[in-house]
Protein backbone atom coordinates (compact mmCIF):
# COMPACT_ATOMS: atom_id res chain seq x y z
CA MET A 1 -0.31 0.31 0.06
CA PRO A 2 1.36 3.25 -1.24
CA PRO A 3 2.07 6.31 1.04
CA THR A 4 -1.12 8.60 1.58
CA ILE A 5 -1.90 11.85 3.22
CA ARG A 6 -4.89 12.58 5.03
CA PRO A 7 -6.23 15.20 7.42
CA ARG A 8 -4.93 15.01 10.63
CA THR A 9 -7.62 13.68 12.96
CA THR A 10 -7.59 13.96 16.87
CA HIS A 11 -6.85 10.29 17.46
CA ASP A 12 -3.60 10.82 15.72
CA LEU A 13 -2.24 13.48 18.13
CA ILE A 14 -0.37 10.49 20.71
CA THR A 15 1.24 8.87 17.69
CA CYS A 16 2.42 12.13 16.43
CA VAL A 17 3.81 13.21 20.10
CA THR A 18 5.06 9.58 20.23
CA LEU A 19 6.53 10.16 17.02
CA LEU A 20 8.39 13.63 17.61
CA ARG A 21 9.94 12.37 20.59
CA HIS A 22 11.43 10.11 18.64
CA VAL A 23 12.24 12.87 16.04
CA HIS A 24 13.48 15.33 18.50
CA GLU A 25 15.69 12.38 20.63
CA ALA A 26 17.48 11.59 16.95
CA SER A 27 17.71 14.93 15.27
CA GLY A 28 17.04 17.37 17.86
CA TYR A 29 13.52 18.89 16.52
CA PRO A 30 12.42 21.07 17.84
CA VAL A 31 15.24 22.42 19.29
CA ASN A 32 13.43 23.02 22.32
CA TRP A 33 10.73 20.25 23.56
CA PRO A 34 7.21 22.11 23.86
CA ALA A 35 5.28 22.26 27.29
CA ASP A 36 2.24 20.67 25.82
CA PRO A 37 3.30 18.92 22.20
CA GLN A 38 -0.50 18.41 21.67
CA LEU A 39 -1.16 22.04 21.66
CA TRP A 40 2.16 22.38 19.68
CA LEU A 41 1.22 20.32 16.99
CA THR A 42 -1.45 22.94 15.85
CA PRO A 43 0.14 26.12 15.25
CA PRO A 44 -2.27 29.22 15.40
CA ASN A 45 -3.47 30.40 11.73
CA ALA A 46 -2.76 26.45 10.59
CA LEU A 47 -4.57 26.48 7.10
CA SER A 48 -4.74 22.75 7.88
CA CYS A 49 -2.44 19.90 9.54
CA TRP A 50 -2.08 16.42 7.89
CA VAL A 51 -0.36 13.13 8.38
CA ILE A 52 1.51 10.57 6.19
CA THR A 53 0.83 7.18 6.61
CA VAL A 54 2.75 3.95 5.56
CA ASN A 55 0.51 0.71 6.00
CA ASN A 56 -2.10 2.56 7.53
CA GLU A 57 0.07 3.82 10.44
CA VAL A 58 1.00 7.38 11.18
CA ALA A 59 4.75 7.80 9.78
CA GLY A 60 4.83 11.96 9.53
CA HIS A 61 3.48 14.98 9.87
CA LEU A 62 2.66 18.41 8.55
CA ALA A 63 1.40 21.60 9.23
CA VAL A 64 0.87 25.09 6.78
CA THR A 65 -0.28 27.97 8.13
CA GLN A 66 -1.27 30.98 6.37
CA THR A 67 -0.62 35.38 6.79
CA ASP A 68 -1.26 37.62 4.81
CA SER A 69 -0.93 36.36 1.08
CA ALA A 70 2.07 33.85 2.22
CA ALA A 71 1.86 30.26 3.93
CA LEU A 72 4.35 28.73 6.24
CA VAL A 73 5.40 25.19 6.40
CA GLU A 74 5.26 24.31 9.98
CA ARG A 75 5.54 20.95 11.92
CA LEU A 76 7.11 18.71 9.72
CA PHE A 77 8.65 15.80 10.40
CA VAL A 78 8.69 12.06 9.63
CA ASP A 79 9.75 9.37 12.27
CA PRO A 80 13.22 8.41 12.42
CA GLN A 81 12.42 4.45 11.22
CA GLN A 82 11.03 5.70 7.94
CA THR A 83 13.49 8.45 6.57
CA GLY A 84 14.77 7.62 3.55
CA GLN A 85 11.71 6.55 1.53
CA GLY A 86 10.74 9.97 0.00
CA LEU A 87 7.98 10.71 2.72
CA GLY A 88 9.22 14.36 3.98
CA ARG A 89 9.21 14.85 0.28
CA LYS A 90 5.99 13.74 -0.06
CA LEU A 91 4.54 15.90 2.74
CA LEU A 92 6.83 19.37 1.22
CA ASP A 93 4.78 18.64 -2.06
CA HIS A 94 1.44 18.51 -0.83
CA ALA A 95 2.38 21.76 1.53
CA ARG A 96 3.25 23.50 -2.03
CA ARG A 97 -0.34 22.38 -3.69
CA THR A 98 -2.26 23.62 -0.70
CA ALA A 99 0.00 26.91 -0.95
CA ALA A 100 -0.98 27.12 -5.06
CA GLU A 101 -5.02 26.50 -4.03
CA HIS A 102 -4.74 29.34 -1.93
CA HIS A 103 -2.98 31.69 -4.27
CA LEU A 104 0.04 31.73 -1.53
CA ASP A 105 3.75 31.88 -1.29
CA LEU A 106 5.10 28.87 0.40
CA THR A 107 7.81 29.44 2.89
CA LEU A 108 9.41 27.75 5.78
CA GLU A 109 12.24 28.02 8.62
CA VAL A 110 14.28 25.61 9.85
CA ALA A 111 17.09 25.84 12.79
CA ASP A 112 20.53 25.10 11.61
CA ASN A 113 20.93 22.05 13.57
CA CYS A 114 18.54 20.33 11.37
CA THR A 115 20.62 19.38 8.72
CA ALA A 116 18.86 16.54 7.50
CA ALA A 117 16.06 18.34 6.95
CA ILE A 118 18.17 21.31 5.18
CA ALA A 119 19.52 18.79 2.83
CA LEU A 120 16.25 17.41 1.81
CA TYR A 121 14.65 21.27 1.28
CA ARG A 122 17.74 21.79 -1.01
CA ARG A 123 17.41 18.68 -2.84
CA ALA A 124 13.76 19.29 -3.22
CA GLY A 125 14.62 22.82 -5.24
CA TRP A 126 13.72 25.45 -1.77
CA ARG A 127 16.29 28.09 -2.13
CA GLU A 128 17.96 29.59 0.59
CA THR A 129 16.82 33.52 1.38
CA ALA A 130 17.85 34.67 4.73
CA ARG A 131 19.77 33.30 7.95
CA THR A 132 18.42 34.75 11.05
CA PRO A 133 20.75 34.51 14.55
CA ILE A 134 18.76 33.12 17.57
CA ASP A 135 19.76 32.89 21.05
CA TRP A 136 16.99 30.07 22.36
CA GLY A 137 19.24 27.98 20.67
CA GLY A 138 21.61 26.97 23.14
CA ASP A 139 24.06 24.67 22.23
CA GLN A 140 22.00 23.20 19.33
CA ALA A 141 21.00 25.48 16.99
CA SER A 142 22.41 29.06 16.02
CA ALA A 143 20.62 30.30 13.51
CA VAL A 144 17.14 29.75 11.72
CA ILE A 145 17.41 29.58 7.86
CA SER A 146 14.85 30.68 5.88
CA PHE A 147 13.35 28.80 2.23
CA SER A 148 11.37 29.66 -0.48
CA ALA A 149 9.57 26.99 -2.11
CA PRO A 150 10.64 26.55 -5.72
CA SER A 151 8.56 28.42 -8.50
CA SER A 152 6.01 25.50 -9.97
């Protein structure tokens, strides 16, 4: 059965938090563990939140938020045991389609410690637009890198 992207349900949240914990331990995302991970998974201004499933099991998560005429990829992660299968790329492509449907430019931000994610974005044609120093990354991250989606 091929991977499937579908809207995230309330039932998915427990699994998503568990996966997020595995991602945090494996790759340091998010840099700072949220006080309420379930609430963190649904950022303000979310257009929607989705999960990607493999064999009907949640294997990743994506949220897209909107501010004025732009959309932002947020809360994107894939189960560390499922990486390398193109799931992150499928989620990115889904975010691009969603932004296009709403006639929004699409961007994302990533802490500089997320090297695998940065490599994915570059391979997918995303263009780095800025680097902003941060003081909340401790020893793990020193900047946030902004990317814009490739043109369709």
